């Protein structure tokens, strides 16, 4: 079986792959690298942080 190219996968695709292949440590590490290196867009406000119900 050919190993997928984790670097070409989107974060969503890689997460889905990990959920199906939970024992694939290379995929997990690639996902952690993506989380650490790719920016995440967040559309929250300071009010969201102050209100725990809205933050969840």
PDB file of N, CA and C in Angstrom:
ATOM      1  N   UNK A   1       0.837  -1.182   0.000  1.00  0.00           N
ATOM      2  CA  UNK A   1       0.000   0.000   0.000  1.00  0.00           C
ATOM      3  C   UNK A   1       0.881   1.244   0.000  1.00  0.00           C
ATOM      4  N   UNK A   2       0.555   2.196  -0.852  1.00  0.00           N
ATOM      5  CA  UNK A   2       1.316   3.435  -0.950  1.00  0.00           C
ATOM      6  C   UNK A   2       0.923   4.381   0.169  1.00  0.00           C
ATOM      7  N   UNK A   3       1.925   4.974   0.790  1.00  0.00           N
ATOM      8  CA  UNK A   3       1.686   5.929   1.876  1.00  0.00           C
ATOM      9  C   UNK A   3       1.155   7.235   1.297  1.00  0.00           C
ATOM     10  N   UNK A   4       0.057   7.781   1.815  1.00  0.00           N
ATOM     11  CA  UNK A   4      -0.462   9.054   1.325  1.00  0.00           C
ATOM     12  C   UNK A   4       0.513  10.191   1.593  1.00  0.00           C
ATOM     13  N   UNK A   5       0.419  11.233   0.793  1.00  0.00           N
ATOM     14  CA  UNK A   5       1.256  12.411   1.007  1.00  0.00           C
ATOM     15  C   UNK A   5       0.530  13.340   1.971  1.00  0.00           C
ATOM     16  N   UNK A   6       0.913  13.281   3.226  1.00  0.00           N
ATOM     17  CA  UNK A   6       0.235  14.038   4.261  1.00  0.00           C
ATOM     18  C   UNK A   6       0.424  15.548   4.093  1.00  0.00           C
ATOM     19  N   UNK A   7       1.535  15.941   3.494  1.00  0.00           N
ATOM     20  CA  UNK A   7       1.807  17.377   3.327  1.00  0.00           C
ATOM     21  C   UNK A   7       0.891  18.011   2.284  1.00  0.00           C
ATOM     22  N   UNK A   8       0.375  17.217   1.366  1.00  0.00           N
ATOM     23  CA  UNK A   8      -0.534  17.750   0.353  1.00  0.00           C
ATOM     24  C   UNK A   8      -1.981  17.749   0.828  1.00  0.00           C
ATOM     25  N   UNK A   9      -2.267  17.018   1.889  1.00  0.00           N
ATOM     26  CA  UNK A   9      -3.633  16.956   2.415  1.00  0.00           C
ATOM     27  C   UNK A   9      -3.956  18.233   3.178  1.00  0.00           C
ATOM     28  N   UNK A  10      -5.216  18.605   3.126  1.00  0.00           N
ATOM     29  CA  UNK A  10      -5.668  19.718   3.962  1.00  0.00           C
ATOM     30  C   UNK A  10      -5.755  19.217   5.401  1.00  0.00           C
ATOM     31  N   UNK A  11      -5.888  20.131   6.318  1.00  0.00           N
ATOM     32  CA  UNK A  11      -6.018  19.757   7.718  1.00  0.00           C
ATOM     33  C   UNK A  11      -7.257  18.873   7.919  1.00  0.00           C
ATOM     34  N   UNK A  12      -8.353  19.212   7.247  1.00  0.00           N
ATOM     35  CA  UNK A  12      -9.591  18.439   7.355  1.00  0.00           C
ATOM     36  C   UNK A  12      -9.414  17.032   6.794  1.00  0.00           C
ATOM     37  N   UNK A  13      -8.773  16.927   5.639  1.00  0.00           N
ATOM     38  CA  UNK A  13      -8.532  15.611   5.036  1.00  0.00           C
ATOM     39  C   UNK A  13      -7.629  14.756   5.923  1.00  0.00           C
ATOM     40  N   UNK A  14      -6.603  15.378   6.461  1.00  0.00           N
ATOM     41  CA  UNK A  14      -5.663  14.642   7.307  1.00  0.00           C
ATOM     42  C   UNK A  14      -6.338  14.187   8.596  1.00  0.00           C
ATOM     43  N   UNK A  15      -7.175  15.034   9.164  1.00  0.00           N
ATOM     44  CA  UNK A  15      -7.911  14.652  10.368  1.00  0.00           C
ATOM     45  C   UNK A  15      -8.815  13.458  10.075  1.00  0.00           C
ATOM     46  N   UNK A  16      -9.507  13.485   8.955  1.00  0.00           N
ATOM     47  CA  UNK A  16     -10.378  12.366   8.576  1.00  0.00           C
ATOM     48  C   UNK A  16      -9.554  11.086   8.396  1.00  0.00           C
ATOM     49  N   UNK A  17      -8.394  11.212   7.791  1.00  0.00           N
ATOM     50  CA  UNK A  17      -7.513  10.051   7.594  1.00  0.00           C
ATOM     51  C   UNK A  17      -7.099   9.472   8.955  1.00  0.00           C
ATOM     52  N   UNK A  18      -6.732  10.346   9.876  1.00  0.00           N
ATOM     53  CA  UNK A  18      -6.298   9.891  11.199  1.00  0.00           C
ATOM     54  C   UNK A  18      -7.431   9.169  11.920  1.00  0.00           C
ATOM     55  N   UNK A  19      -8.637   9.681  11.784  1.00  0.00           N
ATOM     56  CA  UNK A  19      -9.773   9.036  12.447  1.00  0.00           C
ATOM     57  C   UNK A  19     -10.035   7.638  11.895  1.00  0.00           C
ATOM     58  N   UNK A  20      -9.699   7.410  10.636  1.00  0.00           N
ATOM     59  CA  UNK A  20      -9.871   6.088  10.036  1.00  0.00           C
ATOM     60  C   UNK A  20      -8.663   5.181  10.277  1.00  0.00           C
ATOM     61  N   UNK A  21      -7.487   5.791  10.472  1.00  0.00           N
ATOM     62  CA  UNK A  21      -6.236   5.031  10.640  1.00  0.00           C
ATOM     63  C   UNK A  21      -5.569   5.469  11.940  1.00  0.00           C
ATOM     64  N   UNK A  22      -6.203   5.157  13.043  1.00  0.00           N
ATOM     65  CA  UNK A  22      -5.756   5.645  14.355  1.00  0.00           C
ATOM     66  C   UNK A  22      -4.382   5.133  14.771  1.00  0.00           C
ATOM     67  N   UNK A  23      -3.895   4.091  14.157  1.00  0.00           N
ATOM     68  CA  UNK A  23      -2.582   3.554  14.525  1.00  0.00           C
ATOM     69  C   UNK A  23      -1.444   4.117  13.668  1.00  0.00           C
ATOM     70  N   UNK A  24      -1.745   5.021  12.756  1.00  0.00           N
ATOM     71  CA  UNK A  24      -0.728   5.600  11.861  1.00  0.00           C
ATOM     72  C   UNK A  24      -0.056   6.798  12.541  1.00  0.00           C
ATOM     73  N   UNK A  25       1.087   6.525  13.159  1.00  0.00           N
ATOM     74  CA  UNK A  25       1.795   7.568  13.897  1.00  0.00           C
ATOM     75  C   UNK A  25       2.360   8.652  12.984  1.00  0.00           C
ATOM     76  N   UNK A  26       2.764   8.275  11.771  1.00  0.00           N
ATOM     77  CA  UNK A  26       3.287   9.282  10.834  1.00  0.00           C
ATOM     78  C   UNK A  26       2.206  10.291  10.483  1.00  0.00           C
ATOM     79  N   UNK A  27       0.991   9.820  10.292  1.00  0.00           N
ATOM     80  CA  UNK A  27      -0.126  10.712   9.980  1.00  0.00           C
ATOM     81  C   UNK A  27      -0.411  11.633  11.164  1.00  0.00           C
ATOM     82  N   UNK A  28      -0.386  11.069  12.359  1.00  0.00           N
ATOM     83  CA  UNK A  28      -0.625  11.869  13.555  1.00  0.00           C
ATOM     84  C   UNK A  28       0.412  12.973  13.698  1.00  0.00           C
ATOM     85  N   UNK A  29       1.671  12.642  13.502  1.00  0.00           N
ATOM     86  CA  UNK A  29       2.734  13.645  13.623  1.00  0.00           C
ATOM     87  C   UNK A  29       2.620  14.704  12.524  1.00  0.00           C
ATOM     88  N   UNK A  30       2.229  14.300  11.336  1.00  0.00           N
ATOM     89  CA  UNK A  30       2.029  15.260  10.250  1.00  0.00           C
ATOM     90  C   UNK A  30       0.887  16.213  10.599  1.00  0.00           C
ATOM     91  N   UNK A  31      -0.165  15.684  11.205  1.00  0.00           N
ATOM     92  CA  UNK A  31      -1.296  16.518  11.611  1.00  0.00           C
ATOM     93  C   UNK A  31      -0.874  17.504  12.695  1.00  0.00           C
ATOM     94  N   UNK A  32      -0.114  17.046  13.662  1.00  0.00           N
ATOM     95  CA  UNK A  32       0.373  17.932  14.722  1.00  0.00           C
ATOM     96  C   UNK A  32       1.268  19.030  14.143  1.00  0.00           C
ATOM     97  N   UNK A  33       2.089  18.685  13.149  1.00  0.00           N
ATOM     98  CA  UNK A  33       2.930  19.684  12.488  1.00  0.00           C
ATOM     99  C   UNK A  33       2.068  20.730  11.791  1.00  0.00           C
ATOM    100  N   UNK A  34       1.002  20.284  11.123  1.00  0.00           N
ATOM    101  CA  UNK A  34       0.097  21.226  10.450  1.00  0.00           C
ATOM    102  C   UNK A  34      -0.553  22.162  11.460  1.00  0.00           C
ATOM    103  N   UNK A  35      -0.998  21.618  12.585  1.00  0.00           N
ATOM    104  CA  UNK A  35      -1.626  22.452  13.603  1.00  0.00           C
ATOM    105  C   UNK A  35      -0.655  23.497  14.146  1.00  0.00           C
ATOM    106  N   UNK A  36       0.594  23.114  14.284  1.00  0.00           N
ATOM    107  CA  UNK A  36       1.589  24.021  14.841  1.00  0.00           C
ATOM    108  C   UNK A  36       2.043  25.074  13.839  1.00  0.00           C
ATOM    109  N   UNK A  37       2.038  24.738  12.555  1.00  0.00           N
ATOM    110  CA  UNK A  37       2.640  25.621  11.558  1.00  0.00           C
ATOM    111  C   UNK A  37       1.666  26.405  10.694  1.00  0.00           C
ATOM    112  N   UNK A  38       0.425  25.963  10.593  1.00  0.00           N
ATOM    113  CA  UNK A  38      -0.531  26.659   9.749  1.00  0.00           C
ATOM    114  C   UNK A  38      -1.421  27.546  10.602  1.00  0.00           C
ATOM    115  N   UNK A  39      -1.623  28.774  10.180  1.00  0.00           N
ATOM    116  CA  UNK A  39      -2.479  29.666  10.967  1.00  0.00           C
ATOM    117  C   UNK A  39      -3.927  29.185  10.969  1.00  0.00           C
ATOM    118  N   UNK A  40      -4.595  29.474  12.052  1.00  0.00           N
ATOM    119  CA  UNK A  40      -6.006  29.133  12.185  1.00  0.00           C
ATOM    120  C   UNK A  40      -6.788  30.436  12.273  1.00  0.00           C
ATOM    121  N   UNK A  41      -7.778  30.585  11.417  1.00  0.00           N
ATOM    122  CA  UNK A  41      -8.609  31.776  11.451  1.00  0.00           C
ATOM    123  C   UNK A  41      -9.692  31.605  12.506  1.00  0.00           C
ATOM    124  N   UNK A  42      -9.782  32.573  13.374  1.00  0.00           N
ATOM    125  CA  UNK A  42     -10.772  32.534  14.431  1.00  0.00           C
ATOM    126  C   UNK A  42     -11.587  33.813  14.361  1.00  0.00           C
ATOM    127  N   UNK A  43     -12.882  33.669  14.407  1.00  0.00           N
ATOM    128  CA  UNK A  43     -13.742  34.844  14.330  1.00  0.00           C
ATOM    129  C   UNK A  43     -14.433  35.085  15.663  1.00  0.00           C
ATOM    130  N   UNK A  44     -13.696  35.009  16.716  1.00  0.00           N
ATOM    131  CA  UNK A  44     -14.225  35.239  18.055  1.00  0.00           C
ATOM    132  C   UNK A  44     -13.924  36.665  18.489  1.00  0.00           C
ATOM    133  N   UNK A  45     -14.656  37.122  19.474  1.00  0.00           N
ATOM    134  CA  UNK A  45     -14.435  38.459  20.032  1.00  0.00           C
ATOM    135  C   UNK A  45     -14.037  38.318  21.489  1.00  0.00           C
ATOM    136  N   UNK A  46     -13.622  39.408  22.091  1.00  0.00           N
ATOM    137  CA  UNK A  46     -13.278  39.372  23.513  1.00  0.00           C
ATOM    138  C   UNK A  46     -14.492  39.021  24.363  1.00  0.00           C
ATOM    139  N   UNK A  47     -15.667  39.430  23.914  1.00  0.00           N
ATOM    140  CA  UNK A  47     -16.884  39.087  24.645  1.00  0.00           C
ATOM    141  C   UNK A  47     -17.086  37.572  24.683  1.00  0.00           C
ATOM    142  N   UNK A  48     -16.728  36.898  23.603  1.00  0.00           N
ATOM    143  CA  UNK A  48     -16.832  35.441  23.571  1.00  0.00           C
ATOM    144  C   UNK A  48     -15.951  34.812  24.647  1.00  0.00           C
ATOM    145  N   UNK A  49     -14.775  35.354  24.835  1.00  0.00           N
ATOM    146  CA  UNK A  49     -13.853  34.811  25.827  1.00  0.00           C
ATOM    147  C   UNK A  49     -14.351  35.055  27.247  1.00  0.00           C
ATOM    148  N   UNK A  50     -15.056  36.143  27.439  1.00  0.00           N
ATOM    149  CA  UNK A  50     -15.552  36.480  28.770  1.00  0.00           C
ATOM    150  C   UNK A  50     -16.800  35.685  29.135  1.00  0.00           C
ATOM    151  N   UNK A  51     -17.539  35.192  28.164  1.00  0.00           N
ATOM    152  CA  UNK A  51     -18.762  34.439  28.396  1.00  0.00           C
ATOM    153  C   UNK A  51     -18.511  32.970  28.066  1.00  0.00           C
ATOM    154  N   UNK A  52     -18.379  32.107  29.085  1.00  0.00           N
ATOM    155  CA  UNK A  52     -18.038  30.703  28.830  1.00  0.00           C
ATOM    156  C   UNK A  52     -19.065  29.968  27.968  1.00  0.00           C
ATOM    157  N   UNK A  53     -20.336  30.384  27.992  1.00  0.00           N
ATOM    158  CA  UNK A  53     -21.359  29.730  27.170  1.00  0.00           C
ATOM    159  C   UNK A  53     -21.131  30.018  25.694  1.00  0.00           C
ATOM    160  N   UNK A  54     -20.665  31.200  25.367  1.00  0.00           N
ATOM    161  CA  UNK A  54     -20.420  31.563  23.979  1.00  0.00           C
ATOM    162  C   UNK A  54     -19.095  30.991  23.489  1.00  0.00           C
ATOM    163  N   UNK A  55     -18.150  30.790  24.414  1.00  0.00           N
ATOM    164  CA  UNK A  55     -16.842  30.284  24.034  1.00  0.00           C
ATOM    165  C   UNK A  55     -16.924  28.820  23.619  1.00  0.00           C
ATOM    166  N   UNK A  56     -17.767  28.059  24.284  1.00  0.00           N
ATOM    167  CA  UNK A  56     -17.875  26.623  24.014  1.00  0.00           C
ATOM    168  C   UNK A  56     -18.249  26.399  22.561  1.00  0.00           C
TER     169      UNK A  56
END
